[in-house]
Amino acid sequence: MPEQVSLSQRIEESRQQLYKLEQKYGLSHATVLRQSMVLDELINEYNRKFHAQNKSRFVGSSQLIREELLPGHSQLYCSPFAVTLS
């Protein structure tokens, strides 16, 4: 978890730096664009770690995977448009 806090801090610092550079140079300056790419990469790294953690939580449950892949075949699936004919 400390690594994520550190990554979150790096993202925030990068965002603040981008804002300062944008105020100084404008949006289309090369320095601003480079800082934007740095921030993008940090956000991508965070997202990769976040999605990897969430994916590992659900891989162990075959029922959850079945419901996600084949919702019509799950006993828990119920369409709000289902009509009962008598």
N, C-alpha and C. Protein backbone atom coordinates (compact mmCIF):
# COMPACT_ATOMS: atom_id res chain seq x y z
N MET A 1 0.81 -1.21 0.00
CA MET A 1 0.00 0.00 0.00
C MET A 1 0.85 1.27 0.00
N PRO A 2 1.99 1.31 0.70
CA PRO A 2 2.81 2.52 0.66
C PRO A 2 3.24 2.89 -0.76
N GLU A 3 3.44 1.89 -1.62
CA GLU A 3 3.81 2.17 -3.00
C GLU A 3 2.70 2.94 -3.71
N GLN A 4 1.44 2.57 -3.45
CA GLN A 4 0.32 3.27 -4.06
C GLN A 4 0.22 4.70 -3.55
N VAL A 5 0.46 4.89 -2.27
CA VAL A 5 0.44 6.24 -1.72
C VAL A 5 1.51 7.07 -2.41
N SER A 6 2.67 6.51 -2.57
CA SER A 6 3.76 7.19 -3.23
C SER A 6 3.39 7.51 -4.69
N LEU A 7 2.78 6.55 -5.37
CA LEU A 7 2.36 6.78 -6.74
C LEU A 7 1.28 7.86 -6.79
N SER A 8 0.36 7.83 -5.87
CA SER A 8 -0.67 8.87 -5.81
C SER A 8 -0.05 10.25 -5.58
N GLN A 9 0.94 10.28 -4.72
CA GLN A 9 1.63 11.56 -4.46
C GLN A 9 2.36 12.03 -5.72
N ARG A 10 3.01 11.10 -6.42
CA ARG A 10 3.70 11.47 -7.65
C ARG A 10 2.73 11.99 -8.71
N ILE A 11 1.56 11.39 -8.78
CA ILE A 11 0.54 11.85 -9.72
C ILE A 11 0.11 13.27 -9.37
N GLU A 12 -0.14 13.51 -8.10
CA GLU A 12 -0.58 14.84 -7.68
C GLU A 12 0.50 15.89 -7.93
N GLU A 13 1.75 15.55 -7.62
CA GLU A 13 2.84 16.50 -7.87
C GLU A 13 3.00 16.78 -9.36
N SER A 14 2.86 15.74 -10.17
CA SER A 14 2.96 15.90 -11.62
C SER A 14 1.82 16.76 -12.15
N ARG A 15 0.64 16.57 -11.62
CA ARG A 15 -0.52 17.36 -12.02
C ARG A 15 -0.32 18.83 -11.67
N GLN A 16 0.20 19.09 -10.48
CA GLN A 16 0.45 20.48 -10.07
C GLN A 16 1.53 21.12 -10.94
N GLN A 17 2.56 20.34 -11.26
CA GLN A 17 3.62 20.85 -12.14
C GLN A 17 3.06 21.17 -13.53
N LEU A 18 2.20 20.31 -14.03
CA LEU A 18 1.57 20.55 -15.34
C LEU A 18 0.76 21.84 -15.31
N TYR A 19 0.01 22.03 -14.26
CA TYR A 19 -0.81 23.24 -14.13
C TYR A 19 0.08 24.50 -14.13
N LYS A 20 1.18 24.45 -13.37
CA LYS A 20 2.08 25.60 -13.31
C LYS A 20 2.71 25.89 -14.68
N LEU A 21 3.14 24.84 -15.36
CA LEU A 21 3.74 25.02 -16.68
C LEU A 21 2.72 25.56 -17.69
N GLU A 22 1.50 25.08 -17.59
CA GLU A 22 0.44 25.56 -18.50
C GLU A 22 0.17 27.04 -18.27
N GLN A 23 0.18 27.46 -17.01
CA GLN A 23 -0.04 28.87 -16.70
C GLN A 23 1.10 29.74 -17.23
N LYS A 24 2.30 29.19 -17.20
CA LYS A 24 3.48 29.95 -17.62
C LYS A 24 3.64 29.99 -19.15
N TYR A 25 3.43 28.84 -19.80
CA TYR A 25 3.75 28.73 -21.23
C TYR A 25 2.54 28.59 -22.17
N GLY A 26 1.40 28.18 -21.65
CA GLY A 26 0.26 27.90 -22.52
C GLY A 26 0.19 26.41 -22.84
N LEU A 27 -0.94 26.00 -23.38
CA LEU A 27 -1.19 24.56 -23.57
C LEU A 27 -0.32 23.91 -24.64
N SER A 28 0.08 24.62 -25.67
CA SER A 28 0.76 23.98 -26.79
C SER A 28 2.28 24.00 -26.71
N HIS A 29 2.84 24.49 -25.63
CA HIS A 29 4.30 24.56 -25.48
C HIS A 29 4.85 23.14 -25.27
N ALA A 30 6.03 22.88 -25.84
CA ALA A 30 6.64 21.55 -25.77
C ALA A 30 6.86 21.08 -24.33
N THR A 31 7.23 21.98 -23.45
CA THR A 31 7.45 21.63 -22.04
C THR A 31 6.15 21.16 -21.39
N VAL A 32 5.07 21.82 -21.72
CA VAL A 32 3.76 21.44 -21.17
C VAL A 32 3.34 20.08 -21.71
N LEU A 33 3.56 19.86 -23.00
CA LEU A 33 3.19 18.58 -23.60
C LEU A 33 4.01 17.43 -23.02
N ARG A 34 5.29 17.67 -22.77
CA ARG A 34 6.12 16.62 -22.15
C ARG A 34 5.64 16.30 -20.74
N GLN A 35 5.29 17.34 -19.98
CA GLN A 35 4.80 17.11 -18.62
C GLN A 35 3.46 16.38 -18.65
N SER A 36 2.65 16.70 -19.63
CA SER A 36 1.37 16.01 -19.78
C SER A 36 1.59 14.51 -20.05
N MET A 37 2.60 14.19 -20.85
CA MET A 37 2.92 12.79 -21.12
C MET A 37 3.43 12.08 -19.87
N VAL A 38 4.20 12.79 -19.05
CA VAL A 38 4.66 12.22 -17.78
C VAL A 38 3.46 11.90 -16.89
N LEU A 39 2.56 12.85 -16.78
CA LEU A 39 1.36 12.63 -15.97
C LEU A 39 0.53 11.47 -16.52
N ASP A 40 0.36 11.43 -17.82
CA ASP A 40 -0.39 10.32 -18.44
C ASP A 40 0.21 8.97 -18.09
N GLU A 41 1.52 8.87 -18.16
CA GLU A 41 2.17 7.60 -17.85
C GLU A 41 1.99 7.21 -16.39
N LEU A 42 2.06 8.17 -15.49
CA LEU A 42 1.82 7.88 -14.07
C LEU A 42 0.38 7.40 -13.85
N ILE A 43 -0.56 8.03 -14.50
CA ILE A 43 -1.97 7.62 -14.38
C ILE A 43 -2.16 6.23 -14.97
N ASN A 44 -1.52 5.95 -16.10
CA ASN A 44 -1.61 4.61 -16.70
C ASN A 44 -1.02 3.56 -15.76
N GLU A 45 0.10 3.88 -15.12
CA GLU A 45 0.71 2.96 -14.17
C GLU A 45 -0.24 2.68 -13.00
N TYR A 46 -0.86 3.73 -12.49
CA TYR A 46 -1.82 3.58 -11.40
C TYR A 46 -2.98 2.69 -11.84
N ASN A 47 -3.52 2.95 -13.03
CA ASN A 47 -4.64 2.16 -13.53
C ASN A 47 -4.27 0.70 -13.74
N ARG A 48 -3.08 0.43 -14.25
CA ARG A 48 -2.64 -0.96 -14.42
C ARG A 48 -2.59 -1.66 -13.07
N LYS A 49 -2.06 -1.01 -12.07
CA LYS A 49 -1.97 -1.63 -10.74
C LYS A 49 -3.36 -1.80 -10.13
N PHE A 50 -4.22 -0.81 -10.27
CA PHE A 50 -5.56 -0.87 -9.71
C PHE A 50 -6.36 -2.00 -10.36
N HIS A 51 -6.31 -2.10 -11.68
CA HIS A 51 -7.07 -3.13 -12.38
C HIS A 51 -6.49 -4.52 -12.13
N ALA A 52 -5.19 -4.62 -11.97
CA ALA A 52 -4.58 -5.91 -11.66
C ALA A 52 -5.03 -6.40 -10.29
N GLN A 53 -5.13 -5.49 -9.33
CA GLN A 53 -5.58 -5.87 -7.99
C GLN A 53 -7.04 -6.31 -8.01
N ASN A 54 -7.88 -5.56 -8.71
CA ASN A 54 -9.30 -5.92 -8.76
C ASN A 54 -9.52 -7.20 -9.53
N LYS A 55 -8.78 -7.43 -10.59
CA LYS A 55 -8.92 -8.65 -11.37
C LYS A 55 -8.56 -9.86 -10.53
N SER A 56 -7.50 -9.76 -9.73
CA SER A 56 -7.08 -10.89 -8.91
C SER A 56 -8.11 -11.24 -7.83
N ARG A 57 -8.93 -10.29 -7.44
CA ARG A 57 -9.96 -10.56 -6.43
C ARG A 57 -11.06 -11.45 -6.99
N PHE A 58 -11.35 -11.35 -8.29
CA PHE A 58 -12.49 -12.03 -8.87
C PHE A 58 -12.12 -13.30 -9.63
N VAL A 59 -10.87 -13.50 -9.93
CA VAL A 59 -10.48 -14.66 -10.72
C VAL A 59 -10.77 -15.95 -9.97
N GLY A 60 -10.69 -15.94 -8.66
CA GLY A 60 -10.93 -17.14 -7.89
C GLY A 60 -12.37 -17.60 -7.87
N SER A 61 -13.28 -16.78 -8.26
CA SER A 61 -14.69 -17.15 -8.19
C SER A 61 -15.23 -17.46 -9.58
N SER A 62 -15.38 -18.73 -9.88
CA SER A 62 -15.87 -19.11 -11.21
C SER A 62 -17.32 -18.67 -11.40
N GLN A 63 -18.10 -18.58 -10.34
CA GLN A 63 -19.49 -18.15 -10.46
C GLN A 63 -19.55 -16.70 -10.95
N LEU A 64 -18.71 -15.83 -10.40
CA LEU A 64 -18.70 -14.44 -10.85
C LEU A 64 -18.28 -14.34 -12.30
N ILE A 65 -17.32 -15.15 -12.72
CA ILE A 65 -16.88 -15.13 -14.11
C ILE A 65 -18.00 -15.61 -15.01
N ARG A 66 -18.69 -16.69 -14.63
CA ARG A 66 -19.82 -17.18 -15.43
C ARG A 66 -20.89 -16.12 -15.56
N GLU A 67 -21.21 -15.45 -14.48
CA GLU A 67 -22.25 -14.41 -14.53
C GLU A 67 -21.84 -13.26 -15.42
N GLU A 68 -20.56 -12.93 -15.42
CA GLU A 68 -20.10 -11.83 -16.25
C GLU A 68 -20.10 -12.22 -17.73
N LEU A 69 -19.65 -13.43 -18.04
CA LEU A 69 -19.53 -13.85 -19.43
C LEU A 69 -20.85 -14.35 -20.01
N LEU A 70 -21.66 -15.01 -19.20
CA LEU A 70 -22.92 -15.60 -19.67
C LEU A 70 -24.07 -15.20 -18.76
N PRO A 71 -24.46 -13.93 -18.75
CA PRO A 71 -25.48 -13.51 -17.80
C PRO A 71 -26.83 -14.20 -18.01
N GLY A 72 -27.14 -14.60 -19.21
CA GLY A 72 -28.41 -15.27 -19.47
C GLY A 72 -28.47 -16.66 -18.90
N HIS A 73 -27.31 -17.24 -18.56
CA HIS A 73 -27.25 -18.59 -18.05
C HIS A 73 -27.07 -18.64 -16.53
N SER A 74 -27.08 -17.51 -15.92
CA SER A 74 -26.90 -17.45 -14.48
C SER A 74 -28.26 -17.54 -13.79
N GLN A 75 -28.31 -18.23 -12.68
CA GLN A 75 -29.56 -18.30 -11.93
C GLN A 75 -29.89 -16.96 -11.29
N LEU A 76 -28.88 -16.11 -11.10
CA LEU A 76 -29.10 -14.81 -10.48
C LEU A 76 -29.59 -13.77 -11.48
N TYR A 77 -29.49 -14.07 -12.76
CA TYR A 77 -29.85 -13.10 -13.79
C TYR A 77 -31.36 -13.07 -13.96
N CYS A 78 -31.92 -11.89 -13.91
CA CYS A 78 -33.35 -11.72 -14.12
C CYS A 78 -33.56 -10.46 -14.93
N SER A 79 -34.14 -10.60 -16.10
CA SER A 79 -34.38 -9.46 -16.96
C SER A 79 -35.52 -8.62 -16.41
N PRO A 80 -35.39 -7.30 -16.41
CA PRO A 80 -36.49 -6.46 -15.95
C PRO A 80 -37.66 -6.48 -16.93
N PHE A 81 -37.42 -7.03 -18.13
CA PHE A 81 -38.47 -7.08 -19.15
C PHE A 81 -39.11 -8.45 -19.27
N ALA A 82 -38.77 -9.34 -18.33
CA ALA A 82 -39.32 -10.69 -18.38
C ALA A 82 -40.83 -10.64 -18.15
N VAL A 83 -41.54 -11.43 -18.94
CA VAL A 83 -43.00 -11.48 -18.84
C VAL A 83 -43.39 -12.90 -18.48
N THR A 84 -44.27 -13.01 -17.52
CA THR A 84 -44.76 -14.34 -17.13
C THR A 84 -46.07 -14.57 -17.84
N LEU A 85 -46.13 -15.66 -18.60
CA LEU A 85 -47.35 -16.03 -19.31
C LEU A 85 -48.05 -17.10 -18.53
N SER A 86 -49.39 -16.93 -18.36
CA SER A 86 -50.11 -17.98 -17.65
C SER A 86 -51.15 -18.59 -18.52
